[in-house]
């Protein structure tokens, strides 16, 4: 999580962390690790250029400093509770 605007170097840092995690901790039966970069703001074009050559599964998103309305959260929670469980 970053407190400022997205910077392209965040992608290479995340690639490094994901590679280290997969080499040292991932089990053979697990999928590759996924990275998420949360920033206070982002320029979609800069993010696109920064991520255009990376092979790692990664997401860049903006975060909000304010929670959604309580009724929205309650509705989403109820939807999750009512979801059927996926069997392996």
PDB file of N, CA and C in Angstrom:
ATOM      1  N   UNK A   1       0.847  -1.166   0.000  1.00  0.00           N
ATOM      2  CA  UNK A   1       0.000   0.000   0.000  1.00  0.00           C
ATOM      3  C   UNK A   1       0.899   1.238   0.000  1.00  0.00           C
ATOM      4  N   UNK A   2       0.609   2.144  -0.891  1.00  0.00           N
ATOM      5  CA  UNK A   2       1.380   3.373  -1.019  1.00  0.00           C
ATOM      6  C   UNK A   2       0.480   4.568  -0.697  1.00  0.00           C
ATOM      7  N   UNK A   3       1.043   5.557  -0.015  1.00  0.00           N
ATOM      8  CA  UNK A   3       0.218   6.705   0.365  1.00  0.00           C
ATOM      9  C   UNK A   3       0.126   7.758  -0.732  1.00  0.00           C
ATOM     10  N   UNK A   4       0.922   7.621  -1.767  1.00  0.00           N
ATOM     11  CA  UNK A   4       0.919   8.606  -2.845  1.00  0.00           C
ATOM     12  C   UNK A   4       0.435   8.025  -4.156  1.00  0.00           C
ATOM     13  N   UNK A   5       0.782   8.724  -5.232  1.00  0.00           N
ATOM     14  CA  UNK A   5       0.419   8.333  -6.587  1.00  0.00           C
ATOM     15  C   UNK A   5       1.279   7.145  -7.046  1.00  0.00           C
ATOM     16  N   UNK A   6       0.723   6.307  -7.906  1.00  0.00           N
ATOM     17  CA  UNK A   6       1.441   5.158  -8.453  1.00  0.00           C
ATOM     18  C   UNK A   6       2.705   5.605  -9.173  1.00  0.00           C
ATOM     19  N   UNK A   7       3.790   4.854  -8.966  1.00  0.00           N
ATOM     20  CA  UNK A   7       5.045   5.077  -9.685  1.00  0.00           C
ATOM     21  C   UNK A   7       5.422   3.775 -10.396  1.00  0.00           C
ATOM     22  N   UNK A   8       5.958   3.854 -11.619  1.00  0.00           N
ATOM     23  CA  UNK A   8       6.294   2.647 -12.385  1.00  0.00           C
ATOM     24  C   UNK A   8       7.247   1.697 -11.651  1.00  0.00           C
ATOM     25  N   UNK A   9       8.132   2.222 -10.829  1.00  0.00           N
ATOM     26  CA  UNK A   9       9.082   1.350 -10.129  1.00  0.00           C
ATOM     27  C   UNK A   9       8.405   0.404  -9.134  1.00  0.00           C
ATOM     28  N   UNK A  10       7.157   0.687  -8.769  1.00  0.00           N
ATOM     29  CA  UNK A  10       6.438  -0.213  -7.864  1.00  0.00           C
ATOM     30  C   UNK A  10       6.241  -1.594  -8.509  1.00  0.00           C
ATOM     31  N   UNK A  11       6.106  -1.624  -9.841  1.00  0.00           N
ATOM     32  CA  UNK A  11       5.894  -2.893 -10.552  1.00  0.00           C
ATOM     33  C   UNK A  11       7.133  -3.778 -10.443  1.00  0.00           C
ATOM     34  N   UNK A  12       8.317  -3.220 -10.671  1.00  0.00           N
ATOM     35  CA  UNK A  12       9.527  -4.047 -10.588  1.00  0.00           C
ATOM     36  C   UNK A  12       9.788  -4.507  -9.160  1.00  0.00           C
ATOM     37  N   UNK A  13       9.466  -3.678  -8.187  1.00  0.00           N
ATOM     38  CA  UNK A  13       9.592  -4.100  -6.786  1.00  0.00           C
ATOM     39  C   UNK A  13       8.655  -5.268  -6.495  1.00  0.00           C
ATOM     40  N   UNK A  14       7.407  -5.157  -6.969  1.00  0.00           N
ATOM     41  CA  UNK A  14       6.445  -6.230  -6.732  1.00  0.00           C
ATOM     42  C   UNK A  14       6.885  -7.501  -7.445  1.00  0.00           C
ATOM     43  N   UNK A  15       7.411  -7.397  -8.668  1.00  0.00           N
ATOM     44  CA  UNK A  15       7.941  -8.572  -9.373  1.00  0.00           C
ATOM     45  C   UNK A  15       9.007  -9.265  -8.534  1.00  0.00           C
ATOM     46  N   UNK A  16       9.895  -8.478  -7.941  1.00  0.00           N
ATOM     47  CA  UNK A  16      10.959  -9.020  -7.098  1.00  0.00           C
ATOM     48  C   UNK A  16      10.364  -9.780  -5.904  1.00  0.00           C
ATOM     49  N   UNK A  17       9.401  -9.155  -5.221  1.00  0.00           N
ATOM     50  CA  UNK A  17       8.792  -9.788  -4.042  1.00  0.00           C
ATOM     51  C   UNK A  17       8.040 -11.068  -4.412  1.00  0.00           C
ATOM     52  N   UNK A  18       7.323 -11.037  -5.529  1.00  0.00           N
ATOM     53  CA  UNK A  18       6.571 -12.219  -5.953  1.00  0.00           C
ATOM     54  C   UNK A  18       7.511 -13.369  -6.323  1.00  0.00           C
ATOM     55  N   UNK A  19       8.600 -13.050  -6.995  1.00  0.00           N
ATOM     56  CA  UNK A  19       9.572 -14.083  -7.362  1.00  0.00           C
ATOM     57  C   UNK A  19      10.198 -14.708  -6.117  1.00  0.00           C
ATOM     58  N   UNK A  20      10.573 -13.869  -5.164  1.00  0.00           N
ATOM     59  CA  UNK A  20      11.158 -14.379  -3.918  1.00  0.00           C
ATOM     60  C   UNK A  20      10.157 -15.257  -3.168  1.00  0.00           C
ATOM     61  N   UNK A  21       8.914 -14.803  -3.096  1.00  0.00           N
ATOM     62  CA  UNK A  21       7.876 -15.570  -2.402  1.00  0.00           C
ATOM     63  C   UNK A  21       7.658 -16.923  -3.072  1.00  0.00           C
ATOM     64  N   UNK A  22       7.551 -16.920  -4.400  1.00  0.00           N
ATOM     65  CA  UNK A  22       7.308 -18.175  -5.115  1.00  0.00           C
ATOM     66  C   UNK A  22       8.490 -19.141  -5.000  1.00  0.00           C
ATOM     67  N   UNK A  23       9.694 -18.630  -5.042  1.00  0.00           N
ATOM     68  CA  UNK A  23      10.866 -19.510  -4.935  1.00  0.00           C
ATOM     69  C   UNK A  23      11.050 -20.076  -3.534  1.00  0.00           C
ATOM     70  N   UNK A  24      10.740 -19.289  -2.536  1.00  0.00           N
ATOM     71  CA  UNK A  24      11.040 -19.699  -1.163  1.00  0.00           C
ATOM     72  C   UNK A  24       9.866 -20.331  -0.418  1.00  0.00           C
ATOM     73  N   UNK A  25       8.637 -19.955  -0.746  1.00  0.00           N
ATOM     74  CA  UNK A  25       7.492 -20.396   0.060  1.00  0.00           C
ATOM     75  C   UNK A  25       6.440 -21.210  -0.689  1.00  0.00           C
ATOM     76  N   UNK A  26       6.295 -20.966  -1.981  1.00  0.00           N
ATOM     77  CA  UNK A  26       5.225 -21.621  -2.740  1.00  0.00           C
ATOM     78  C   UNK A  26       5.456 -23.120  -2.834  1.00  0.00           C
ATOM     79  N   UNK A  27       4.380 -23.866  -2.619  1.00  0.00           N
ATOM     80  CA  UNK A  27       4.430 -25.322  -2.763  1.00  0.00           C
ATOM     81  C   UNK A  27       4.147 -25.688  -4.218  1.00  0.00           C
ATOM     82  N   UNK A  28       4.553 -26.877  -4.600  1.00  0.00           N
ATOM     83  CA  UNK A  28       4.410 -27.322  -5.995  1.00  0.00           C
ATOM     84  C   UNK A  28       2.959 -27.330  -6.463  1.00  0.00           C
ATOM     85  N   UNK A  29       2.028 -27.582  -5.561  1.00  0.00           N
ATOM     86  CA  UNK A  29       0.623 -27.672  -5.952  1.00  0.00           C
ATOM     87  C   UNK A  29      -0.092 -26.315  -5.911  1.00  0.00           C
ATOM     88  N   UNK A  30       0.612 -25.237  -5.594  1.00  0.00           N
ATOM     89  CA  UNK A  30       0.012 -23.912  -5.512  1.00  0.00           C
ATOM     90  C   UNK A  30       0.232 -23.116  -6.794  1.00  0.00           C
ATOM     91  N   UNK A  31      -0.689 -22.228  -7.086  1.00  0.00           N
ATOM     92  CA  UNK A  31      -0.554 -21.319  -8.226  1.00  0.00           C
ATOM     93  C   UNK A  31       0.466 -20.228  -7.902  1.00  0.00           C
ATOM     94  N   UNK A  32       0.972 -19.533  -8.919  1.00  0.00           N
ATOM     95  CA  UNK A  32       1.893 -18.425  -8.648  1.00  0.00           C
ATOM     96  C   UNK A  32       1.235 -17.359  -7.773  1.00  0.00           C
ATOM     97  N   UNK A  33       2.047 -16.687  -6.978  1.00  0.00           N
ATOM     98  CA  UNK A  33       1.546 -15.626  -6.107  1.00  0.00           C
ATOM     99  C   UNK A  33       1.029 -14.463  -6.952  1.00  0.00           C
ATOM    100  N   UNK A  34       0.079 -13.738  -6.394  1.00  0.00           N
ATOM    101  CA  UNK A  34      -0.523 -12.585  -7.065  1.00  0.00           C
ATOM    102  C   UNK A  34      -0.201 -11.346  -6.255  1.00  0.00           C
ATOM    103  N   UNK A  35       0.212 -10.282  -6.938  1.00  0.00           N
ATOM    104  CA  UNK A  35       0.534  -9.040  -6.253  1.00  0.00           C
ATOM    105  C   UNK A  35      -0.550  -7.999  -6.431  1.00  0.00           C
ATOM    106  N   UNK A  36      -0.736  -7.182  -5.403  1.00  0.00           N
ATOM    107  CA  UNK A  36      -1.688  -6.095  -5.467  1.00  0.00           C
ATOM    108  C   UNK A  36      -1.007  -4.824  -4.963  1.00  0.00           C
ATOM    109  N   UNK A  37      -0.999  -3.804  -5.783  1.00  0.00           N
ATOM    110  CA  UNK A  37      -0.417  -2.521  -5.411  1.00  0.00           C
ATOM    111  C   UNK A  37      -1.567  -1.542  -5.206  1.00  0.00           C
ATOM    112  N   UNK A  38      -1.748  -1.079  -3.983  1.00  0.00           N
ATOM    113  CA  UNK A  38      -2.796  -0.111  -3.667  1.00  0.00           C
ATOM    114  C   UNK A  38      -2.164   1.263  -3.536  1.00  0.00           C
ATOM    115  N   UNK A  39      -2.678   2.223  -4.273  1.00  0.00           N
ATOM    116  CA  UNK A  39      -2.148   3.592  -4.279  1.00  0.00           C
ATOM    117  C   UNK A  39      -3.273   4.583  -4.030  1.00  0.00           C
ATOM    118  N   UNK A  40      -2.893   5.755  -3.525  1.00  0.00           N
ATOM    119  CA  UNK A  40      -3.881   6.810  -3.298  1.00  0.00           C
ATOM    120  C   UNK A  40      -4.471   7.302  -4.615  1.00  0.00           C
ATOM    121  N   UNK A  41      -3.676   7.262  -5.696  1.00  0.00           N
ATOM    122  CA  UNK A  41      -4.163   7.641  -7.018  1.00  0.00           C
ATOM    123  C   UNK A  41      -3.282   6.994  -8.080  1.00  0.00           C
ATOM    124  N   UNK A  42      -3.797   6.969  -9.312  1.00  0.00           N
ATOM    125  CA  UNK A  42      -3.027   6.367 -10.402  1.00  0.00           C
ATOM    126  C   UNK A  42      -3.450   6.977 -11.725  1.00  0.00           C
ATOM    127  N   UNK A  43      -2.533   6.985 -12.653  1.00  0.00           N
ATOM    128  CA  UNK A  43      -2.802   7.380 -14.036  1.00  0.00           C
ATOM    129  C   UNK A  43      -2.863   6.074 -14.818  1.00  0.00           C
ATOM    130  N   UNK A  44      -4.017   5.747 -15.378  1.00  0.00           N
ATOM    131  CA  UNK A  44      -4.204   4.461 -16.054  1.00  0.00           C
ATOM    132  C   UNK A  44      -3.188   4.223 -17.168  1.00  0.00           C
ATOM    133  N   UNK A  45      -2.823   5.258 -17.898  1.00  0.00           N
ATOM    134  CA  UNK A  45      -1.855   5.096 -18.989  1.00  0.00           C
ATOM    135  C   UNK A  45      -0.469   4.749 -18.442  1.00  0.00           C
ATOM    136  N   UNK A  46      -0.070   5.384 -17.349  1.00  0.00           N
ATOM    137  CA  UNK A  46       1.223   5.078 -16.722  1.00  0.00           C
ATOM    138  C   UNK A  46       1.223   3.641 -16.219  1.00  0.00           C
ATOM    139  N   UNK A  47       0.138   3.210 -15.597  1.00  0.00           N
ATOM    140  CA  UNK A  47       0.030   1.829 -15.103  1.00  0.00           C
ATOM    141  C   UNK A  47       0.125   0.854 -16.269  1.00  0.00           C
ATOM    142  N   UNK A  48      -0.558   1.149 -17.362  1.00  0.00           N
ATOM    143  CA  UNK A  48      -0.531   0.266 -18.536  1.00  0.00           C
ATOM    144  C   UNK A  48       0.894   0.110 -19.075  1.00  0.00           C
ATOM    145  N   UNK A  49       1.601   1.216 -19.227  1.00  0.00           N
ATOM    146  CA  UNK A  49       2.980   1.152 -19.708  1.00  0.00           C
ATOM    147  C   UNK A  49       3.868   0.395 -18.725  1.00  0.00           C
ATOM    148  N   UNK A  50       3.716   0.661 -17.446  1.00  0.00           N
ATOM    149  CA  UNK A  50       4.564   0.031 -16.429  1.00  0.00           C
ATOM    150  C   UNK A  50       4.365  -1.481 -16.381  1.00  0.00           C
ATOM    151  N   UNK A  51       3.142  -1.922 -16.655  1.00  0.00           N
ATOM    152  CA  UNK A  51       2.842  -3.350 -16.532  1.00  0.00           C
ATOM    153  C   UNK A  51       2.845  -4.096 -17.857  1.00  0.00           C
ATOM    154  N   UNK A  52       3.125  -3.415 -18.956  1.00  0.00           N
ATOM    155  CA  UNK A  52       2.986  -4.035 -20.274  1.00  0.00           C
ATOM    156  C   UNK A  52       3.918  -5.217 -20.500  1.00  0.00           C
ATOM    157  N   UNK A  53       5.048  -5.274 -19.842  1.00  0.00           N
ATOM    158  CA  UNK A  53       6.001  -6.366 -20.078  1.00  0.00           C
ATOM    159  C   UNK A  53       6.149  -7.330 -18.909  1.00  0.00           C
ATOM    160  N   UNK A  54       5.460  -7.068 -17.836  1.00  0.00           N
ATOM    161  CA  UNK A  54       5.588  -7.955 -16.691  1.00  0.00           C
ATOM    162  C   UNK A  54       4.826  -9.255 -16.932  1.00  0.00           C
ATOM    163  N   UNK A  55       5.360 -10.346 -16.444  1.00  0.00           N
ATOM    164  CA  UNK A  55       4.722 -11.651 -16.575  1.00  0.00           C
ATOM    165  C   UNK A  55       4.000 -12.047 -15.287  1.00  0.00           C
ATOM    166  N   UNK A  56       4.202 -11.294 -14.222  1.00  0.00           N
ATOM    167  CA  UNK A  56       3.609 -11.628 -12.928  1.00  0.00           C
ATOM    168  C   UNK A  56       2.141 -11.203 -12.878  1.00  0.00           C
ATOM    169  N   UNK A  57       1.302 -12.048 -12.264  1.00  0.00           N
ATOM    170  CA  UNK A  57      -0.089 -11.628 -12.069  1.00  0.00           C
ATOM    171  C   UNK A  57      -0.127 -10.513 -11.029  1.00  0.00           C
ATOM    172  N   UNK A  58      -0.604  -9.346 -11.436  1.00  0.00           N
ATOM    173  CA  UNK A  58      -0.527  -8.179 -10.571  1.00  0.00           C
ATOM    174  C   UNK A  58      -1.701  -7.252 -10.858  1.00  0.00           C
ATOM    175  N   UNK A  59      -2.116  -6.518  -9.836  1.00  0.00           N
ATOM    176  CA  UNK A  59      -3.208  -5.568  -9.963  1.00  0.00           C
ATOM    177  C   UNK A  59      -2.786  -4.259  -9.322  1.00  0.00           C
ATOM    178  N   UNK A  60      -3.124  -3.152  -9.966  1.00  0.00           N
ATOM    179  CA  UNK A  60      -2.900  -1.824  -9.398  1.00  0.00           C
ATOM    180  C   UNK A  60      -4.266  -1.188  -9.226  1.00  0.00           C
ATOM    181  N   UNK A  61      -4.549  -0.720  -8.022  1.00  0.00           N
ATOM    182  CA  UNK A  61      -5.850  -0.118  -7.751  1.00  0.00           C
ATOM    183  C   UNK A  61      -5.710   1.075  -6.826  1.00  0.00           C
ATOM    184  N   UNK A  62      -6.681   1.964  -6.931  1.00  0.00           N
ATOM    185  CA  UNK A  62      -6.745   3.101  -6.019  1.00  0.00           C
ATOM    186  C   UNK A  62      -7.542   2.672  -4.788  1.00  0.00           C
ATOM    187  N   UNK A  63      -7.218   3.241  -3.666  1.00  0.00           N
ATOM    188  CA  UNK A  63      -7.994   2.969  -2.465  1.00  0.00           C
ATOM    189  C   UNK A  63      -8.690   4.237  -2.011  1.00  0.00           C
ATOM    190  N   UNK A  64      -9.720   4.061  -1.250  1.00  0.00           N
ATOM    191  CA  UNK A  64     -10.493   5.180  -0.708  1.00  0.00           C
ATOM    192  C   UNK A  64     -10.196   5.300   0.782  1.00  0.00           C
ATOM    193  N   UNK A  65     -10.188   6.501   1.276  1.00  0.00           N
ATOM    194  CA  UNK A  65      -9.946   6.731   2.702  1.00  0.00           C
ATOM    195  C   UNK A  65     -11.246   6.743   3.497  1.00  0.00           C
ATOM    196  N   UNK A  66     -12.338   6.433   2.841  1.00  0.00           N
ATOM    197  CA  UNK A  66     -13.637   6.475   3.484  1.00  0.00           C
ATOM    198  C   UNK A  66     -14.378   5.179   3.154  1.00  0.00           C
ATOM    199  N   UNK A  67     -14.990   4.575   4.145  1.00  0.00           N
ATOM    200  CA  UNK A  67     -15.749   3.350   3.917  1.00  0.00           C
ATOM    201  C   UNK A  67     -17.054   3.651   3.199  1.00  0.00           C
ATOM    202  N   UNK A  68     -17.554   2.683   2.427  1.00  0.00           N
ATOM    203  CA  UNK A  68     -18.877   2.856   1.819  1.00  0.00           C
ATOM    204  C   UNK A  68     -19.951   2.919   2.910  1.00  0.00           C
ATOM    205  N   UNK A  69     -21.136   3.304   2.510  1.00  0.00           N
ATOM    206  CA  UNK A  69     -22.264   3.380   3.425  1.00  0.00           C
ATOM    207  C   UNK A  69     -22.491   2.023   4.112  1.00  0.00           C
ATOM    208  N   UNK A  70     -22.912   2.065   5.360  1.00  0.00           N
ATOM    209  CA  UNK A  70     -23.120   0.851   6.164  1.00  0.00           C
ATOM    210  C   UNK A  70     -24.080  -0.124   5.489  1.00  0.00           C
ATOM    211  N   UNK A  71     -25.131   0.375   4.863  1.00  0.00           N
ATOM    212  CA  UNK A  71     -26.101  -0.518   4.219  1.00  0.00           C
ATOM    213  C   UNK A  71     -25.482  -1.256   3.027  1.00  0.00           C
ATOM    214  N   UNK A  72     -24.588  -0.594   2.307  1.00  0.00           N
ATOM    215  CA  UNK A  72     -23.893  -1.240   1.184  1.00  0.00           C
ATOM    216  C   UNK A  72     -23.008  -2.369   1.716  1.00  0.00           C
ATOM    217  N   UNK A  73     -22.279  -2.106   2.783  1.00  0.00           N
ATOM    218  CA  UNK A  73     -21.429  -3.140   3.374  1.00  0.00           C
ATOM    219  C   UNK A  73     -22.256  -4.317   3.878  1.00  0.00           C
ATOM    220  N   UNK A  74     -23.375  -4.041   4.519  1.00  0.00           N
ATOM    221  CA  UNK A  74     -24.234  -5.119   5.026  1.00  0.00           C
ATOM    222  C   UNK A  74     -24.760  -5.978   3.870  1.00  0.00           C
ATOM    223  N   UNK A  75     -25.161  -5.332   2.779  1.00  0.00           N
ATOM    224  CA  UNK A  75     -25.668  -6.057   1.609  1.00  0.00           C
ATOM    225  C   UNK A  75     -24.592  -6.961   1.018  1.00  0.00           C
ATOM    226  N   UNK A  76     -23.371  -6.420   0.859  1.00  0.00           N
ATOM    227  CA  UNK A  76     -22.264  -7.212   0.306  1.00  0.00           C
ATOM    228  C   UNK A  76     -21.932  -8.389   1.211  1.00  0.00           C
ATOM    229  N   UNK A  77     -21.925  -8.159   2.518  1.00  0.00           N
ATOM    230  CA  UNK A  77     -21.649  -9.232   3.468  1.00  0.00           C
ATOM    231  C   UNK A  77     -22.706 -10.321   3.364  1.00  0.00           C
ATOM    232  N   UNK A  78     -23.962  -9.923   3.261  1.00  0.00           N
ATOM    233  CA  UNK A  78     -25.040 -10.899   3.128  1.00  0.00           C
ATOM    234  C   UNK A  78     -24.895 -11.708   1.840  1.00  0.00           C
ATOM    235  N   UNK A  79     -24.477 -11.047   0.744  1.00  0.00           N
ATOM    236  CA  UNK A  79     -24.253 -11.757  -0.522  1.00  0.00           C
ATOM    237  C   UNK A  79     -23.155 -12.804  -0.356  1.00  0.00           C
ATOM    238  N   UNK A  80     -22.091 -12.455   0.354  1.00  0.00           N
ATOM    239  CA  UNK A  80     -20.989 -13.403   0.576  1.00  0.00           C
ATOM    240  C   UNK A  80     -21.435 -14.583   1.433  1.00  0.00           C
ATOM    241  N   UNK A  81     -22.236 -14.293   2.443  1.00  0.00           N
ATOM    242  CA  UNK A  81     -22.715 -15.356   3.328  1.00  0.00           C
ATOM    243  C   UNK A  81     -23.579 -16.353   2.554  1.00  0.00           C
ATOM    244  N   UNK A  82     -24.353 -15.856   1.621  1.00  0.00           N
ATOM    245  CA  UNK A  82     -25.282 -16.707   0.849  1.00  0.00           C
ATOM    246  C   UNK A  82     -24.634 -17.395  -0.344  1.00  0.00           C
ATOM    247  N   UNK A  83     -23.373 -17.092  -0.617  1.00  0.00           N
ATOM    248  CA  UNK A  83     -22.683 -17.729  -1.748  1.00  0.00           C
ATOM    249  C   UNK A  83     -22.430 -19.206  -1.450  1.00  0.00           C
ATOM    250  N   UNK A  84     -22.653 -20.081  -2.426  1.00  0.00           N
ATOM    251  CA  UNK A  84     -22.308 -21.489  -2.196  1.00  0.00           C
ATOM    252  C   UNK A  84     -20.788 -21.662  -2.131  1.00  0.00           C
ATOM    253  N   UNK A  85     -20.351 -22.588  -1.305  1.00  0.00           N
ATOM    254  CA  UNK A  85     -18.920 -22.859  -1.188  1.00  0.00           C
ATOM    255  C   UNK A  85     -18.430 -23.631  -2.401  1.00  0.00           C
ATOM    256  N   UNK A  86     -17.244 -23.310  -2.867  1.00  0.00           N
ATOM    257  CA  UNK A  86     -16.634 -24.029  -3.968  1.00  0.00           C
ATOM    258  C   UNK A  86     -15.966 -25.282  -3.428  1.00  0.00           C
ATOM    259  N   UNK A  87     -16.210 -26.396  -4.064  1.00  0.00           N
ATOM    260  CA  UNK A  87     -15.570 -27.633  -3.651  1.00  0.00           C
ATOM    261  C   UNK A  87     -14.317 -27.839  -4.466  1.00  0.00           C
ATOM    262  N   UNK A  88     -13.294 -28.395  -3.818  1.00  0.00           N
ATOM    263  CA  UNK A  88     -12.015 -28.621  -4.514  1.00  0.00           C
ATOM    264  C   UNK A  88     -12.023 -29.941  -5.226  1.00  0.00           C
TER     265      UNK A  88
END
